Protein backbone atom coordinates (compact mmCIF):
# COMPACT_ATOMS: atom_id res chain seq x y z
CA MET A 1 -13.82 25.10 18.00
CA SER A 2 -16.58 24.85 20.61
CA GLN A 3 -15.95 22.90 23.75
CA LEU A 4 -15.40 19.20 23.09
CA GLU A 5 -17.66 17.25 25.42
CA GLY A 6 -20.49 14.78 25.26
CA ILE A 7 -21.51 11.16 25.04
CA LEU A 8 -20.86 9.20 21.89
CA PRO A 9 -23.32 6.29 21.58
CA LEU A 10 -21.08 3.93 19.68
CA LEU A 11 -22.18 0.73 17.96
CA LYS A 12 -19.12 -1.42 18.73
CA PRO A 13 -18.16 -3.82 15.98
CA ALA A 14 -17.20 -7.44 16.51
CA GLY A 15 -13.52 -8.14 16.78
CA MET A 16 -12.63 -5.05 18.79
CA THR A 17 -12.17 -4.56 22.55
CA SER A 18 -13.73 -1.60 24.32
CA HIS A 19 -10.18 -0.25 24.76
CA ASP A 20 -9.55 -0.58 21.03
CA CYS A 21 -12.60 1.58 20.41
CA VAL A 22 -11.39 4.27 22.89
CA MET A 23 -8.02 4.43 21.08
CA ARG A 24 -9.79 4.95 17.73
CA ILE A 25 -12.07 7.65 19.18
CA ARG A 26 -9.10 9.53 20.66
CA LYS A 27 -7.59 9.79 17.18
CA LEU A 28 -10.86 10.74 15.51
CA PHE A 29 -11.68 13.51 18.03
CA LYS A 30 -8.00 14.50 18.58
CA THR A 31 -8.22 14.26 22.38
CA LYS A 32 -6.88 11.93 25.06
CA LYS A 33 -9.86 12.61 27.30
CA VAL A 34 -11.96 9.64 26.25
CA GLY A 35 -13.34 6.73 28.34
CA HIS A 36 -15.79 3.91 27.94
CA THR A 37 -18.54 3.01 30.41
CA GLY A 38 -18.05 -0.75 30.84
CA THR A 39 -16.41 -3.42 28.76
CA LEU A 40 -18.08 -5.36 26.01
CA ASP A 41 -16.57 -8.67 24.91
CA PRO A 42 -14.61 -8.48 21.65
CA ASP A 43 -16.96 -10.90 19.85
CA VAL A 44 -20.03 -8.93 20.85
CA ILE A 45 -21.59 -6.22 18.71
CA GLY A 46 -23.56 -3.54 20.49
CA VAL A 47 -24.19 -0.32 22.30
CA LEU A 48 -21.06 1.14 23.99
CA PRO A 49 -21.51 4.68 25.27
CA ILE A 50 -18.16 6.62 25.09
CA CYS A 51 -17.49 9.64 27.24
CA ILE A 52 -15.51 12.49 25.66
CA GLY A 53 -14.04 15.59 27.30
CA LYS A 54 -15.81 16.79 30.49
CA ALA A 55 -18.29 13.91 30.05
CA THR A 56 -15.66 11.53 31.39
CA LYS A 57 -16.64 12.92 34.82
CA VAL A 58 -19.92 11.03 34.66
CA ALA A 59 -18.66 7.72 33.35
CA GLN A 60 -18.72 6.18 36.86
CA TYR A 61 -22.48 6.81 37.11
CA MET A 62 -23.10 5.18 33.73
CA SER A 63 -21.45 1.89 34.66
CA ASP A 64 -24.49 1.15 36.88
CA TYR A 65 -26.88 1.11 33.94
CA SER A 66 -29.04 -1.88 33.26
CA LYS A 67 -28.16 -3.51 29.94
CA THR A 68 -30.38 -5.06 27.26
CA TYR A 69 -29.18 -7.90 25.06
CA VAL A 70 -30.60 -10.10 22.36
CA GLY A 71 -28.75 -13.45 22.35
CA GLU A 72 -29.00 -17.00 21.10
CA VAL A 73 -28.38 -20.10 23.23
CA THR A 74 -27.43 -23.38 21.60
CA ILE A 75 -28.10 -26.49 23.68
CA GLY A 76 -26.13 -29.67 22.94
CA PHE A 77 -22.49 -28.69 23.62
CA SER A 78 -20.52 -26.38 25.83
CA THR A 79 -17.24 -24.54 25.14
CA THR A 80 -14.23 -23.28 27.05
CA THR A 81 -15.27 -19.64 26.67
CA GLU A 82 -19.03 -20.26 27.10
CA ASP A 83 -19.55 -18.80 23.62
CA ARG A 84 -19.02 -20.00 20.01
CA SER A 85 -15.34 -18.85 19.92
CA GLY A 86 -14.18 -21.50 22.39
CA GLU A 87 -13.21 -25.15 22.01
CA ILE A 88 -15.87 -27.80 22.65
CA VAL A 89 -15.53 -29.37 26.10
CA GLU A 90 -18.73 -31.44 26.38
CA ARG A 91 -21.34 -32.82 24.05
CA LYS A 92 -24.71 -34.35 24.71
CA GLU A 93 -27.10 -34.97 21.83
CA VAL A 94 -30.52 -33.34 22.08
CA GLU A 95 -32.97 -36.07 21.21
CA SER A 96 -36.17 -34.85 22.82
CA SER A 97 -38.15 -31.92 21.58
CA TRP A 98 -39.07 -29.42 24.25
CA THR A 99 -42.21 -27.42 23.98
CA THR A 100 -42.09 -23.63 23.95
CA GLU A 101 -44.00 -23.69 27.24
CA GLU A 102 -41.29 -25.75 28.87
CA ILE A 103 -38.59 -23.38 27.66
CA ASP A 104 -40.53 -20.33 28.70
CA GLY A 105 -40.97 -21.83 32.16
CA VAL A 106 -37.19 -22.28 32.53
CA LEU A 107 -36.64 -18.69 31.44
CA THR A 108 -39.11 -17.42 34.01
CA SER A 109 -37.26 -19.27 36.77
CA PHE A 110 -34.22 -17.03 36.19
CA LEU A 111 -36.03 -13.75 36.86
CA GLY A 112 -35.01 -11.70 39.86
CA GLU A 113 -31.73 -11.94 41.81
CA ILE A 114 -29.58 -14.93 40.87
CA GLU A 115 -26.09 -16.16 41.58
CA GLN A 116 -23.46 -16.42 38.86
CA ILE A 117 -19.92 -17.74 38.71
CA PRO A 118 -17.95 -15.60 36.21
CA PRO A 119 -16.51 -17.52 33.19
CA MET A 120 -12.83 -18.36 33.25
CA TYR A 121 -12.41 -16.33 30.11
CA SER A 122 -13.41 -13.02 31.70
CA ALA A 123 -11.73 -9.89 33.07
CA VAL A 124 -12.67 -10.51 36.69
CA ARG A 125 -9.61 -10.23 39.00
CA VAL A 126 -8.68 -13.01 41.39
CA ASN A 127 -5.53 -12.52 43.52
CA GLY A 128 -4.49 -9.63 41.29
CA LYS A 129 -4.77 -11.50 37.97
CA ARG A 130 -7.54 -11.57 35.39
CA LEU A 131 -9.37 -14.86 35.11
CA TYR A 132 -8.55 -15.07 31.39
CA GLU A 133 -4.82 -15.00 32.34
CA TYR A 134 -5.32 -18.11 34.43
CA ALA A 135 -7.37 -19.74 31.63
CA ARG A 136 -4.69 -19.10 29.01
CA ALA A 137 -2.10 -20.64 31.34
CA ASN A 138 -4.36 -23.73 31.85
CA GLN A 139 -4.59 -22.92 35.59
CA GLU A 140 -7.73 -23.54 37.62
CA VAL A 141 -8.66 -20.98 40.25
CA GLU A 142 -11.63 -20.61 42.55
CA ARG A 143 -13.97 -18.02 41.08
CA PRO A 144 -16.02 -15.71 43.28
CA MET A 145 -19.80 -16.03 43.22
CA ARG A 146 -21.69 -12.83 42.42
CA ASN A 147 -25.31 -11.81 42.65
CA VAL A 148 -26.91 -10.18 39.60
CA ILE A 149 -30.47 -9.21 38.73
CA ILE A 150 -32.41 -10.39 35.72
CA HIS A 151 -35.15 -7.82 35.24
CA GLN A 152 -36.67 -9.29 32.10
CA LEU A 153 -36.00 -12.52 30.19
CA GLU A 154 -38.12 -13.76 27.27
CA ARG A 155 -37.81 -16.05 24.25
CA VAL A 156 -37.99 -14.10 20.98
CA SER A 157 -37.77 -16.95 18.40
CA ALA A 158 -39.08 -20.38 17.74
CA LEU A 159 -37.05 -23.46 18.89
CA GLU A 160 -34.78 -24.65 16.09
CA PHE A 161 -33.78 -28.32 16.30
CA ASN A 162 -30.72 -29.21 14.20
CA GLU A 163 -31.01 -32.86 13.25
CA SER A 164 -27.49 -33.24 11.93
CA GLU A 165 -25.78 -31.68 14.97
CA LYS A 166 -28.37 -32.84 17.48
CA THR A 167 -28.72 -29.38 19.01
CA CYS A 168 -31.50 -27.00 19.88
CA SER A 169 -31.22 -23.18 19.54
CA PHE A 170 -33.42 -20.23 20.34
CA SER A 171 -33.07 -16.47 20.69
CA PHE A 172 -33.88 -14.52 23.86
CA ARG A 173 -34.02 -10.95 25.08
CA VAL A 174 -32.69 -10.09 28.55
CA VAL A 175 -32.63 -6.90 30.56
CA CYS A 176 -30.12 -7.32 33.40
CA SER A 177 -28.05 -5.49 36.00
CA LYS A 178 -24.48 -4.54 35.55
CA GLY A 179 -21.99 -7.40 36.02
CA THR A 180 -24.27 -10.00 34.43
CA TYR A 181 -22.52 -12.50 32.14
CA VAL A 182 -24.99 -13.45 29.47
CA ARG A 183 -22.64 -16.21 28.36
CA THR A 184 -23.02 -17.73 31.78
CA LEU A 185 -26.78 -17.24 31.67
CA ALA A 186 -26.90 -19.30 28.50
CA VAL A 187 -24.81 -22.04 30.08
CA ASP A 188 -27.03 -22.11 33.15
CA LEU A 189 -30.18 -22.27 31.03
CA GLY A 190 -28.77 -25.43 29.50
CA LYS A 191 -27.82 -26.93 32.85
CA THR A 192 -31.36 -26.41 34.07
CA LEU A 193 -32.54 -28.51 31.10
CA GLY A 194 -29.87 -31.11 31.84
CA PHE A 195 -27.61 -30.34 28.84
CA PRO A 196 -24.37 -28.55 28.03
CA ALA A 197 -24.94 -25.25 26.28
CA HIS A 198 -23.23 -22.10 25.09
CA MET A 199 -24.09 -18.61 23.81
CA SER A 200 -23.95 -18.81 20.05
CA HIS A 201 -24.75 -15.12 19.31
CA LEU A 202 -25.12 -11.88 21.28
CA ILE A 203 -25.72 -8.20 20.63
CA ARG A 204 -26.19 -5.45 23.22
CA THR A 205 -29.18 -3.39 22.17
CA ALA A 206 -29.25 -0.86 24.99
CA SER A 207 -27.11 0.51 27.79
CA GLY A 208 -29.24 2.62 30.10
CA PRO A 209 -30.97 5.33 28.00
CA PHE A 210 -28.71 4.74 24.97
CA THR A 211 -30.25 2.38 22.44
CA GLN A 212 -29.06 0.78 19.25
CA ASP A 213 -31.14 3.05 17.00
CA VAL A 214 -29.25 6.18 18.14
CA CYS A 215 -25.82 4.67 17.81
CA ILE A 216 -23.15 5.44 15.17
CA THR A 217 -20.49 3.17 13.77
CA LEU A 218 -16.74 3.78 13.64
CA ASP A 219 -16.91 3.62 9.88
CA ALA A 220 -19.49 6.38 9.78
CA LEU A 221 -17.33 8.58 12.09
CA GLU A 222 -14.27 7.98 9.97
CA ALA A 223 -16.17 9.07 6.91
CA MET A 224 -16.70 12.46 8.43
CA GLU A 225 -14.02 14.97 7.39
CA THR A 226 -13.69 17.15 10.57
CA VAL A 227 -13.80 16.92 14.34
CA GLU A 228 -16.55 19.58 14.27
CA GLU A 229 -18.69 17.32 12.09
CA ARG A 230 -18.16 14.43 14.48
CA MET A 231 -19.04 16.62 17.47
CA ASP A 232 -22.57 16.99 16.02
CA VAL A 233 -23.35 13.38 16.84
CA LEU A 234 -22.44 13.69 20.55
CA ARG A 235 -25.25 13.54 23.09
CA PRO A 236 -25.44 16.10 25.95
CA LEU A 237 -23.47 15.18 29.09
CA ASP A 238 -26.53 15.34 31.33
CA GLU A 239 -28.41 12.84 29.17
CA ALA A 240 -26.15 10.26 30.78
CA ILE A 241 -27.34 11.10 34.28
CA PHE A 242 -31.01 11.65 33.71
CA HIS A 243 -31.72 8.62 35.90
CA LEU A 244 -30.58 10.62 38.95
CA PRO A 245 -33.07 12.78 40.83
CA LYS A 246 -32.92 16.47 39.84
CA LEU A 247 -32.74 19.56 42.06
CA ILE A 248 -33.09 23.13 40.63
CA VAL A 249 -31.52 25.99 42.62
CA ASN A 250 -31.75 29.77 42.50
CA ASP A 251 -28.90 32.19 41.58
CA GLU A 252 -27.71 32.60 45.17
CA THR A 253 -27.40 28.86 45.76
CA GLU A 254 -25.83 28.45 42.34
CA GLN A 255 -22.89 30.62 43.36
CA LEU A 256 -22.36 28.59 46.55
CA ILE A 257 -22.39 25.41 44.49
CA LYS A 258 -19.79 26.72 42.17
CA TYR A 259 -17.55 27.14 45.18
CA GLY A 260 -18.17 23.53 46.18
CA SER A 261 -20.02 24.54 49.34
CA VAL A 262 -21.64 22.15 51.81
CA LEU A 263 -25.33 23.12 51.94
CA PRO A 264 -28.44 22.47 54.08
CA GLU A 265 -30.46 19.52 52.85
CA GLU A 266 -33.62 20.34 50.96
CA LYS A 267 -36.89 19.26 52.57
CA GLY A 268 -38.34 16.05 51.12
CA LEU A 269 -35.02 15.01 49.58
CA ASP A 270 -35.10 11.23 49.94
CA GLN A 271 -32.36 10.16 47.55
CA SER A 272 -28.68 9.93 48.60
CA ARG A 273 -27.33 11.21 45.26
CA PHE A 274 -28.86 13.78 42.81
CA THR A 275 -27.99 16.29 40.11
CA VAL A 276 -28.16 20.05 40.68
CA TYR A 277 -29.31 22.44 37.94
CA ASN A 278 -29.52 26.23 37.77
CA GLU A 279 -32.64 28.00 36.55
CA LEU A 280 -31.19 28.17 32.98
CA GLY A 281 -31.18 24.36 32.82
CA GLU A 282 -27.42 23.96 33.14
CA CYS A 283 -26.17 20.98 35.16
CA LEU A 284 -23.81 22.31 37.84
CA ALA A 285 -22.87 19.33 39.94
CA ILE A 286 -23.76 15.96 41.41
CA TYR A 287 -24.41 16.29 45.18
CA GLN A 288 -24.89 13.66 47.83
CA LYS A 289 -26.12 13.53 51.38
CA HIS A 290 -23.29 14.27 53.74
CA PRO A 291 -21.91 10.92 55.01
CA THR A 292 -21.33 12.13 58.59
CA LYS A 293 -23.35 15.31 59.09
CA THR A 294 -27.12 14.93 59.22
CA GLY A 295 -29.13 17.56 57.39
CA LEU A 296 -26.33 18.58 55.01
CA ILE A 297 -25.45 17.82 51.43
CA LYS A 298 -21.98 17.98 49.84
CA PRO A 299 -20.62 17.94 46.26
CA GLU A 300 -19.55 14.59 44.84
CA LYS A 301 -18.70 15.79 41.32
CA MET A 302 -18.46 19.33 39.97
CA LEU A 303 -19.72 19.64 36.34
CA TRP A 304 -20.14 23.36 35.70
CA THR A 305 -17.77 25.11 33.31
CA ASP A 306 -16.70 28.76 33.47
CA ASN A 307 -16.71 29.53 29.78
């Protein structure tokens, strides 16, 4: 068997945690060296890149990816979990019909850096415990404010007014920084309009360079008969770190890098972190500017393999 390594762009199904997916992948690829690149709520379908083998070394750099979601907000009632799985906590009938221009104006107001308070049903830790642990015990706790960035936010459907339930729903597409709670974004959109709201549907369509159209499902993986067949769907390790600046070195420098040497900084190198490749196009390491010694660079993560 050739070396088992690469990125699996998984389309996570609803009803499974990210950890559940990792456990299934370990069995399918017959290896314990598997890790995900950031949690996705159990109810949410979507892109979940999984690192396998040596690719687990780059998982930390993938967690910083911007994420793209297509969601639906329903205005008229809020829930304990801020999505459709929770119990209703507040209702307010939607009697007026907003125009699309009014809704689009509200969406525009959320662009850029905004503050969010994480939902009680989330994995954020406060005093050593997850917020959802407090929520399940019916305990209130002060939640830390966080800053996130909304890069793009646009309405992608018409407004749908439900006369019987007295609600209004519409779909939106958002590109946001890591750590953004789209559930909370939906709630805050409602608050801006003066109504309780919740996120009634959500799918993650992209995580960094990995998009929904290149993903594979667990069912498709399980239908394959061998590990070798499953390995064919893995993406190259360095595809996960293409967003980092790239430095190509000669044979002499390559040998120094393989020993983990501290090296003189290249002229014109502005970035603090970058990948290093040899002339054959093989990714050797991730280097960074030396934190204490000006003019030098040091290895942050070694990626080369002595086959």
